């Protein structure tokens, strides 16, 4: 829209005093209508936007000198800004229940239709660390997009309850499988169960993670290193090595690994965790290179400060929270649903040309100068 308006302004300047306000006003109205139509608004909404734009320029029946024509363009831009604000508010309100545009038939039990770019009907997903927080939000988003979901966790009671809620309250085809992510045998058993239950797995999300050590690297015990690397990194390696060949044999699939912004910069408090997450992002790149020729995509997501139980110790500390928010341009923590939206894109046709990437979702923290 910005380029189109710039072209209109340049054209108006060249035409000079002979340009009529009616003509420019029509340009703004037409561009506003096109913008509204492109946002999939209803005809009534489009008409409202055009009427608002027309009414905001009460002098549209007079011919003005060229030096005033930018006022007419500004009228159209103001209407667009107002509409964009309304769209952002609507998206924010629906982030949890409808994290995508909706077209086509809805999955069983759902009340929304699915956009083709995010349609996962007929697909089967396996999500680890999925009984709460980011993992649960990802499982829900994939299920809302039509996929069946196996959620895995080391908390059987919580996991069973989550799967039951997804099935009975939200109409998502979900079931639970126990997983001790630090044990290779448990990862292999989970994979065997998921394949037996679903026939095949098209989407794998490796989200299980721990941070048992807080403090500098020099104070970390061997046990802390072993636990962190086994759960955060090795479990993803084990699962990817099972999933990728099976996906390749079926014609493709998507592997999504949860990394962290602590893996792209140093961290005094959770350095061991950060090292493991840096390795997870590297794993995504290597999987992408190895399996890309077989149409298997692998990507990492690096969340920043997200409002979950995992981040509660930091968020509950007023001083730490204030300092972190001042270093984050959006001035707030993220939500699990905002990570789930990225995972949905990476799993769906809309992300079919994305592989080997580490997608940072942090509200701008890592690009900020701290001011």
Protein backbone atom coordinates (compact mmCIF):
# COMPACT_ATOMS: atom_id res chain seq x y z
CA UNK A 1 0.00 0.00 0.00
CA UNK A 2 2.87 2.37 0.84
CA UNK A 3 4.41 2.00 -2.61
CA UNK A 4 1.06 2.54 -4.29
CA UNK A 5 0.42 5.73 -2.34
CA UNK A 6 3.92 6.99 -3.09
CA UNK A 7 3.34 6.44 -6.81
CA UNK A 8 0.05 8.35 -6.56
CA UNK A 9 1.72 11.28 -4.82
CA UNK A 10 4.48 11.45 -7.42
CA UNK A 11 1.91 11.38 -10.20
CA UNK A 12 -0.08 14.16 -8.51
CA UNK A 13 3.02 16.34 -8.24
CA UNK A 14 3.82 15.95 -11.92
CA UNK A 15 0.31 16.88 -12.99
CA UNK A 16 0.56 20.09 -10.95
CA UNK A 17 -2.22 22.63 -10.60
CA UNK A 18 -4.42 20.97 -13.18
CA UNK A 19 -5.07 17.90 -11.02
CA UNK A 20 -8.52 17.88 -9.50
CA UNK A 21 -9.32 16.94 -5.94
CA UNK A 22 -12.13 14.69 -7.18
CA UNK A 23 -9.64 12.58 -9.08
CA UNK A 24 -7.26 12.21 -6.17
CA UNK A 25 -10.10 11.52 -3.79
CA UNK A 26 -11.28 8.73 -6.08
CA UNK A 27 -7.76 7.28 -6.06
CA UNK A 28 -7.74 7.17 -2.26
CA UNK A 29 -11.19 5.61 -2.10
CA UNK A 30 -10.30 2.95 -4.66
CA UNK A 31 -7.05 2.09 -2.89
CA UNK A 32 -8.87 1.87 0.45
CA UNK A 33 -11.46 -0.43 -1.09
CA UNK A 34 -8.74 -2.64 -2.57
CA UNK A 35 -6.96 -2.79 0.78
CA UNK A 36 -10.15 -3.73 2.56
CA UNK A 37 -10.96 -6.41 -0.01
CA UNK A 38 -7.47 -7.86 0.33
CA UNK A 39 -8.02 -8.21 4.07
CA UNK A 40 -10.99 -10.52 3.36
CA UNK A 41 -13.40 -8.00 4.92
CA UNK A 42 -17.09 -8.26 4.21
CA UNK A 43 -18.67 -5.99 1.58
CA UNK A 44 -20.29 -4.05 4.40
CA UNK A 45 -16.91 -3.45 6.03
CA UNK A 46 -15.44 -2.35 2.72
CA UNK A 47 -18.32 0.06 2.19
CA UNK A 48 -17.85 1.45 5.69
CA UNK A 49 -14.17 2.09 5.03
CA UNK A 50 -14.86 3.84 1.72
CA UNK A 51 -17.63 5.93 3.27
CA UNK A 52 -15.33 6.91 6.13
CA UNK A 53 -12.63 7.94 3.68
CA UNK A 54 -15.10 9.93 1.57
CA UNK A 55 -16.63 11.67 4.59
CA UNK A 56 -13.22 12.61 6.00
CA UNK A 57 -12.57 14.77 2.95
CA UNK A 58 -15.50 17.18 3.04
CA UNK A 59 -13.87 19.45 0.46
CA UNK A 60 -13.64 16.73 -2.17
CA UNK A 61 -15.79 18.72 -4.57
CA UNK A 62 -13.28 21.56 -4.93
CA UNK A 63 -10.20 21.63 -7.08
CA UNK A 64 -7.14 22.45 -4.98
CA UNK A 65 -3.63 23.53 -6.01
CA UNK A 66 -1.06 20.75 -6.22
CA UNK A 67 0.52 21.77 -2.90
CA UNK A 68 -2.66 20.59 -1.17
CA UNK A 69 -3.02 17.24 -2.91
CA UNK A 70 -1.00 15.44 -0.25
CA UNK A 71 -3.86 16.20 2.17
CA UNK A 72 -6.15 14.03 0.07
CA UNK A 73 -3.65 11.18 0.03
CA UNK A 74 -3.27 11.55 3.79
CA UNK A 75 -7.04 11.16 4.14
CA UNK A 76 -6.82 7.75 2.49
CA UNK A 77 -3.83 6.77 4.63
CA UNK A 78 -5.65 7.77 7.81
CA UNK A 79 -8.52 5.49 6.89
CA UNK A 80 -6.08 2.66 6.21
CA UNK A 81 -4.35 3.24 9.54
CA UNK A 82 -7.69 3.11 11.31
CA UNK A 83 -8.58 -0.11 9.54
CA UNK A 84 -5.18 -1.66 10.32
CA UNK A 85 -5.67 -0.86 14.00
CA UNK A 86 -9.02 -2.61 13.96
CA UNK A 87 -7.50 -5.65 12.26
CA UNK A 88 -4.70 -5.87 14.83
CA UNK A 89 -7.22 -5.71 17.66
CA UNK A 90 -9.30 -8.45 16.05
CA UNK A 91 -6.28 -10.71 15.62
CA UNK A 92 -5.21 -10.11 19.23
CA UNK A 93 -8.65 -11.08 20.54
CA UNK A 94 -8.75 -14.29 18.53
CA UNK A 95 -5.13 -15.40 18.97
CA UNK A 96 -5.97 -18.30 21.27
CA UNK A 97 -9.05 -19.77 19.60
CA UNK A 98 -8.49 -18.87 15.95
CA UNK A 99 -4.78 -18.52 15.14
CA UNK A 100 -5.34 -18.52 11.40
CA UNK A 101 -7.66 -17.32 8.66
CA UNK A 102 -10.48 -19.75 8.02
CA UNK A 103 -11.77 -21.17 4.80
CA UNK A 104 -13.00 -24.58 3.70
CA UNK A 105 -14.52 -27.28 5.89
CA UNK A 106 -13.82 -27.31 9.61
CA UNK A 107 -12.30 -30.27 11.48
CA UNK A 108 -14.72 -32.36 13.50
CA UNK A 109 -15.93 -30.51 16.54
CA UNK A 110 -14.47 -27.19 15.44
CA UNK A 111 -16.52 -24.11 14.64
CA UNK A 112 -14.05 -22.46 12.27
CA UNK A 113 -13.01 -23.07 8.70
CA UNK A 114 -9.38 -23.48 7.68
CA UNK A 115 -7.31 -21.46 5.23
CA UNK A 116 -5.65 -23.70 2.64
CA UNK A 117 -2.18 -22.44 3.62
CA UNK A 118 -2.73 -23.73 7.16
CA UNK A 119 -4.80 -26.81 6.41
CA UNK A 120 -3.46 -29.88 8.22
CA UNK A 121 -6.44 -32.17 7.74
CA UNK A 122 -5.26 -35.73 7.18
CA UNK A 123 -1.92 -35.01 8.88
CA UNK A 124 -0.68 -36.56 12.11
CA UNK A 125 1.49 -34.70 14.63
CA UNK A 126 3.62 -35.73 17.58
CA UNK A 127 4.46 -33.00 20.12
CA UNK A 128 6.78 -33.58 23.09
CA UNK A 129 6.68 -31.52 26.26
CA UNK A 130 3.05 -30.87 25.40
CA UNK A 131 1.10 -31.04 28.66
CA UNK A 132 1.46 -27.30 29.37
CA UNK A 133 2.82 -23.99 28.10
CA UNK A 134 4.27 -23.72 24.62
CA UNK A 135 3.96 -27.43 23.85
CA UNK A 136 0.27 -27.54 24.68
CA UNK A 137 -0.38 -24.35 22.69
CA UNK A 138 1.36 -25.89 19.66
CA UNK A 139 -0.61 -29.13 19.98
CA UNK A 140 -3.84 -27.14 20.17
CA UNK A 141 -3.00 -25.01 17.14
CA UNK A 142 -2.09 -28.05 15.04
CA UNK A 143 -5.30 -29.75 16.11
CA UNK A 144 -7.40 -26.69 15.31
CA UNK A 145 -5.87 -26.77 11.83
CA UNK A 146 -7.18 -30.32 11.38
CA UNK A 147 -4.25 -32.54 12.39
CA UNK A 148 -4.57 -35.44 14.80
CA UNK A 149 -2.19 -34.97 17.69
CA UNK A 150 -0.22 -37.24 20.01
CA UNK A 151 0.96 -35.23 23.00
CA UNK A 152 3.86 -36.58 25.03
CA UNK A 153 5.01 -35.62 28.52
CA UNK A 154 6.63 -37.06 31.64
CA UNK A 155 3.55 -36.13 33.69
CA UNK A 156 1.00 -38.84 32.92
CA UNK A 157 -1.89 -37.37 34.92
CA UNK A 158 -1.47 -33.88 33.45
CA UNK A 159 -0.93 -35.24 29.95
CA UNK A 160 -4.03 -37.45 30.04
CA UNK A 161 -6.09 -34.51 31.32
CA UNK A 162 -4.82 -32.26 28.51
CA UNK A 163 -5.58 -34.84 25.84
CA UNK A 164 -9.07 -35.35 27.27
CA UNK A 165 -9.72 -31.60 27.27
CA UNK A 166 -8.58 -31.26 23.67
CA UNK A 167 -10.86 -34.14 22.64
CA UNK A 168 -13.99 -33.44 24.64
CA UNK A 169 -14.02 -29.65 24.96
CA UNK A 170 -12.33 -28.63 21.72
CA UNK A 171 -13.11 -31.43 19.27
CA UNK A 172 -9.45 -32.18 18.52
CA UNK A 173 -8.34 -35.73 17.78
CA UNK A 174 -5.74 -36.02 20.55
CA UNK A 175 -4.24 -38.72 22.72
CA UNK A 176 -1.46 -38.93 25.28
CA UNK A 177 1.76 -40.93 25.42
CA UNK A 178 4.22 -40.97 28.30
CA UNK A 179 7.77 -39.78 27.60
CA UNK A 180 10.92 -39.52 29.66
CA UNK A 181 12.85 -37.38 27.19
CA UNK A 182 16.17 -38.05 28.87
CA UNK A 183 16.01 -41.76 28.10
CA UNK A 184 16.57 -43.03 24.59
CA UNK A 185 14.46 -46.15 25.16
CA UNK A 186 11.51 -43.98 26.20
CA UNK A 187 11.85 -41.82 23.08
CA UNK A 188 11.89 -44.94 20.90
CA UNK A 189 8.85 -46.39 22.71
CA UNK A 190 6.95 -43.11 22.26
CA UNK A 191 7.71 -43.07 18.54
CA UNK A 192 6.58 -46.69 18.14
CA UNK A 193 3.34 -45.92 19.99
CA UNK A 194 2.62 -42.82 17.89
CA UNK A 195 3.20 -44.65 14.61
CA UNK A 196 1.08 -47.59 15.74
CA UNK A 197 -1.73 -45.28 16.91
CA UNK A 198 -1.76 -42.97 13.86
CA UNK A 199 -0.31 -45.09 11.07
CA UNK A 200 2.25 -42.42 10.25
CA UNK A 201 3.59 -39.14 11.64
CA UNK A 202 3.86 -36.11 9.35
CA UNK A 203 4.83 -33.45 11.90
CA UNK A 204 7.20 -33.78 14.83
CA UNK A 205 7.64 -31.01 17.39
CA UNK A 206 10.54 -31.53 19.82
CA UNK A 207 9.58 -29.21 22.66
CA UNK A 208 10.69 -31.08 25.80
CA UNK A 209 13.26 -29.09 27.72
CA UNK A 210 14.81 -28.54 31.14
CA UNK A 211 17.13 -26.05 32.83
CA UNK A 212 18.32 -27.72 36.04
CA UNK A 213 21.35 -25.49 36.55
CA UNK A 214 21.26 -21.76 37.29
CA UNK A 215 24.56 -19.94 37.41
CA UNK A 216 27.91 -19.84 35.61
CA UNK A 217 29.23 -22.78 33.63
CA UNK A 218 32.09 -23.36 36.05
CA UNK A 219 29.65 -24.28 38.83
CA UNK A 220 27.63 -26.77 36.75
CA UNK A 221 27.93 -30.41 37.77
CA UNK A 222 28.40 -33.28 35.34
CA UNK A 223 24.90 -34.47 36.21
CA UNK A 224 23.43 -31.07 35.30
CA UNK A 225 25.23 -31.12 31.95
CA UNK A 226 24.13 -34.69 31.24
CA UNK A 227 20.49 -34.06 32.12
CA UNK A 228 20.34 -30.82 30.14
CA UNK A 229 21.97 -32.23 27.03
CA UNK A 230 19.99 -35.48 27.10
CA UNK A 231 16.59 -33.82 27.43
CA UNK A 232 17.17 -30.71 25.32
CA UNK A 233 19.45 -32.02 22.58
CA UNK A 234 19.85 -35.78 22.53
CA UNK A 235 16.11 -36.47 22.70
CA UNK A 236 15.65 -34.28 19.62
CA UNK A 237 18.46 -36.14 17.83
CA UNK A 238 16.99 -39.51 18.74
CA UNK A 239 13.48 -38.54 17.65
CA UNK A 240 14.59 -36.83 14.45
CA UNK A 241 16.63 -39.87 13.48
CA UNK A 242 13.49 -41.98 13.79
CA UNK A 243 11.13 -39.50 12.15
CA UNK A 244 13.14 -38.23 9.18
CA UNK A 245 13.60 -41.57 7.35
CA UNK A 246 9.93 -42.45 7.85
CA UNK A 247 8.84 -39.03 6.57
CA UNK A 248 11.14 -39.33 3.57
CA UNK A 249 9.64 -42.70 2.69
CA UNK A 250 6.17 -41.10 2.69
CA UNK A 251 7.20 -38.14 0.55
CA UNK A 252 8.01 -35.51 3.16
CA UNK A 253 7.29 -34.01 6.55
CA UNK A 254 8.16 -31.26 9.00
CA UNK A 255 10.40 -31.41 12.07
CA UNK A 256 10.21 -28.44 14.44
CA UNK A 257 12.66 -27.99 17.29
CA UNK A 258 12.19 -25.59 20.20
CA UNK A 259 15.41 -23.66 20.76
CA UNK A 260 15.78 -20.36 22.65
CA UNK A 261 17.26 -16.89 22.31
CA UNK A 262 19.67 -18.00 25.05
CA UNK A 263 21.24 -20.06 22.28
CA UNK A 264 22.06 -17.02 20.14
CA UNK A 265 23.77 -14.94 22.83
CA UNK A 266 25.62 -15.48 26.11
CA UNK A 267 23.74 -15.80 29.39
CA UNK A 268 25.18 -15.61 32.92
CA UNK A 269 22.26 -17.36 34.58
CA UNK A 270 21.37 -20.23 32.25
CA UNK A 271 24.52 -20.82 30.27
CA UNK A 272 24.25 -24.63 30.27
CA UNK A 273 20.71 -24.38 28.94
CA UNK A 274 21.86 -21.83 26.34
CA UNK A 275 24.62 -24.11 25.07
CA UNK A 276 22.13 -26.96 24.62
CA UNK A 277 19.71 -24.70 22.74
CA UNK A 278 22.45 -23.38 20.45
CA UNK A 279 23.09 -27.00 19.55
CA UNK A 280 19.38 -27.51 18.86
CA UNK A 281 19.41 -24.68 16.29
CA UNK A 282 22.50 -26.22 14.69
CA UNK A 283 20.72 -29.57 14.60
CA UNK A 284 17.85 -28.03 12.63
CA UNK A 285 20.28 -26.71 10.03
CA UNK A 286 22.01 -30.05 9.64
CA UNK A 287 18.77 -32.00 9.41
CA UNK A 288 17.59 -29.56 6.74
CA UNK A 289 20.70 -30.18 4.64
CA UNK A 290 20.58 -33.95 5.04
CA UNK A 291 16.86 -34.48 4.49
CA UNK A 292 15.84 -31.56 2.28
CA UNK A 293 16.30 -33.59 -0.94
CA UNK A 294 13.62 -35.94 0.43
CA UNK A 295 11.18 -33.07 1.13
CA UNK A 296 11.68 -33.29 4.88
CA UNK A 297 11.97 -29.82 6.39
CA UNK A 298 13.59 -29.01 9.73
CA UNK A 299 13.42 -25.69 11.55
CA UNK A 300 13.98 -24.30 15.02
CA UNK A 301 11.96 -21.71 16.91
CA UNK A 302 13.76 -19.56 19.48
CA UNK A 303 11.30 -17.97 21.89
CA UNK A 304 12.21 -14.99 24.00
CA UNK A 305 10.52 -14.27 27.31
CA UNK A 306 7.21 -16.15 27.16
CA UNK A 307 4.59 -16.12 29.91
CA UNK A 308 4.79 -19.78 30.98
CA UNK A 309 5.50 -21.67 34.20
CA UNK A 310 9.06 -22.14 32.93
CA UNK A 311 9.60 -18.37 32.95
CA UNK A 312 7.63 -17.65 36.12
CA UNK A 313 10.72 -17.15 38.36
CA UNK A 314 11.86 -14.36 36.05
CA UNK A 315 8.44 -12.82 35.44
CA UNK A 316 7.60 -12.82 39.15
CA UNK A 317 10.77 -10.87 39.92
CA UNK A 318 9.71 -7.26 39.41
CA UNK A 319 13.24 -5.95 38.94
CA UNK A 320 14.21 -8.64 36.43
CA UNK A 321 10.93 -8.29 34.56
CA UNK A 322 11.23 -4.50 34.29
CA UNK A 323 14.81 -4.70 33.06
CA UNK A 324 13.90 -7.35 30.48
CA UNK A 325 10.86 -5.49 29.23
CA UNK A 326 12.86 -2.28 28.82
CA UNK A 327 15.22 -4.24 26.58
CA UNK A 328 12.29 -5.59 24.52
CA UNK A 329 10.82 -3.17 21.95
CA UNK A 330 7.30 -4.58 22.33
CA UNK A 331 7.56 -4.03 26.10
CA UNK A 332 5.80 -7.25 27.11
CA UNK A 333 6.40 -10.98 27.39
CA UNK A 334 5.07 -13.20 24.62
CA UNK A 335 2.33 -15.79 24.90
CA UNK A 336 2.49 -19.53 24.15
CA UNK A 337 -0.05 -18.98 21.38
CA UNK A 338 2.33 -16.59 19.62
CA UNK A 339 4.92 -19.38 19.45
CA UNK A 340 2.24 -21.83 18.36
CA UNK A 341 1.36 -19.59 15.43
CA UNK A 342 4.91 -19.86 14.11
CA UNK A 343 4.94 -23.63 14.63
CA UNK A 344 1.67 -23.92 12.72
CA UNK A 345 3.14 -22.00 9.80
CA UNK A 346 6.26 -24.19 9.76
CA UNK A 347 4.16 -27.36 9.85
CA UNK A 348 1.66 -26.28 7.19
CA UNK A 349 1.75 -25.67 3.42
CA UNK A 350 2.32 -21.97 4.15
CA UNK A 351 5.82 -22.83 5.37
CA UNK A 352 6.66 -25.34 2.65
CA UNK A 353 9.67 -23.37 1.37
CA UNK A 354 11.21 -22.75 4.79
CA UNK A 355 13.88 -25.12 6.11
CA UNK A 356 17.06 -24.93 8.17
CA UNK A 357 15.99 -21.70 9.87
CA UNK A 358 16.07 -20.57 13.48
CA UNK A 359 13.00 -18.36 13.77
CA UNK A 360 13.42 -15.91 16.64
CA UNK A 361 10.16 -14.89 18.32
CA UNK A 362 11.15 -12.52 21.11
CA UNK A 363 9.37 -9.19 20.72
CA UNK A 364 12.58 -7.69 19.41
CA UNK A 365 14.78 -8.42 22.42
CA UNK A 366 17.77 -9.69 20.45
CA UNK A 367 17.77 -6.77 17.99
CA UNK A 368 17.37 -4.06 20.61
CA UNK A 369 20.14 -1.81 21.95
CA UNK A 370 18.46 -1.98 25.34
CA UNK A 371 16.96 1.52 25.25
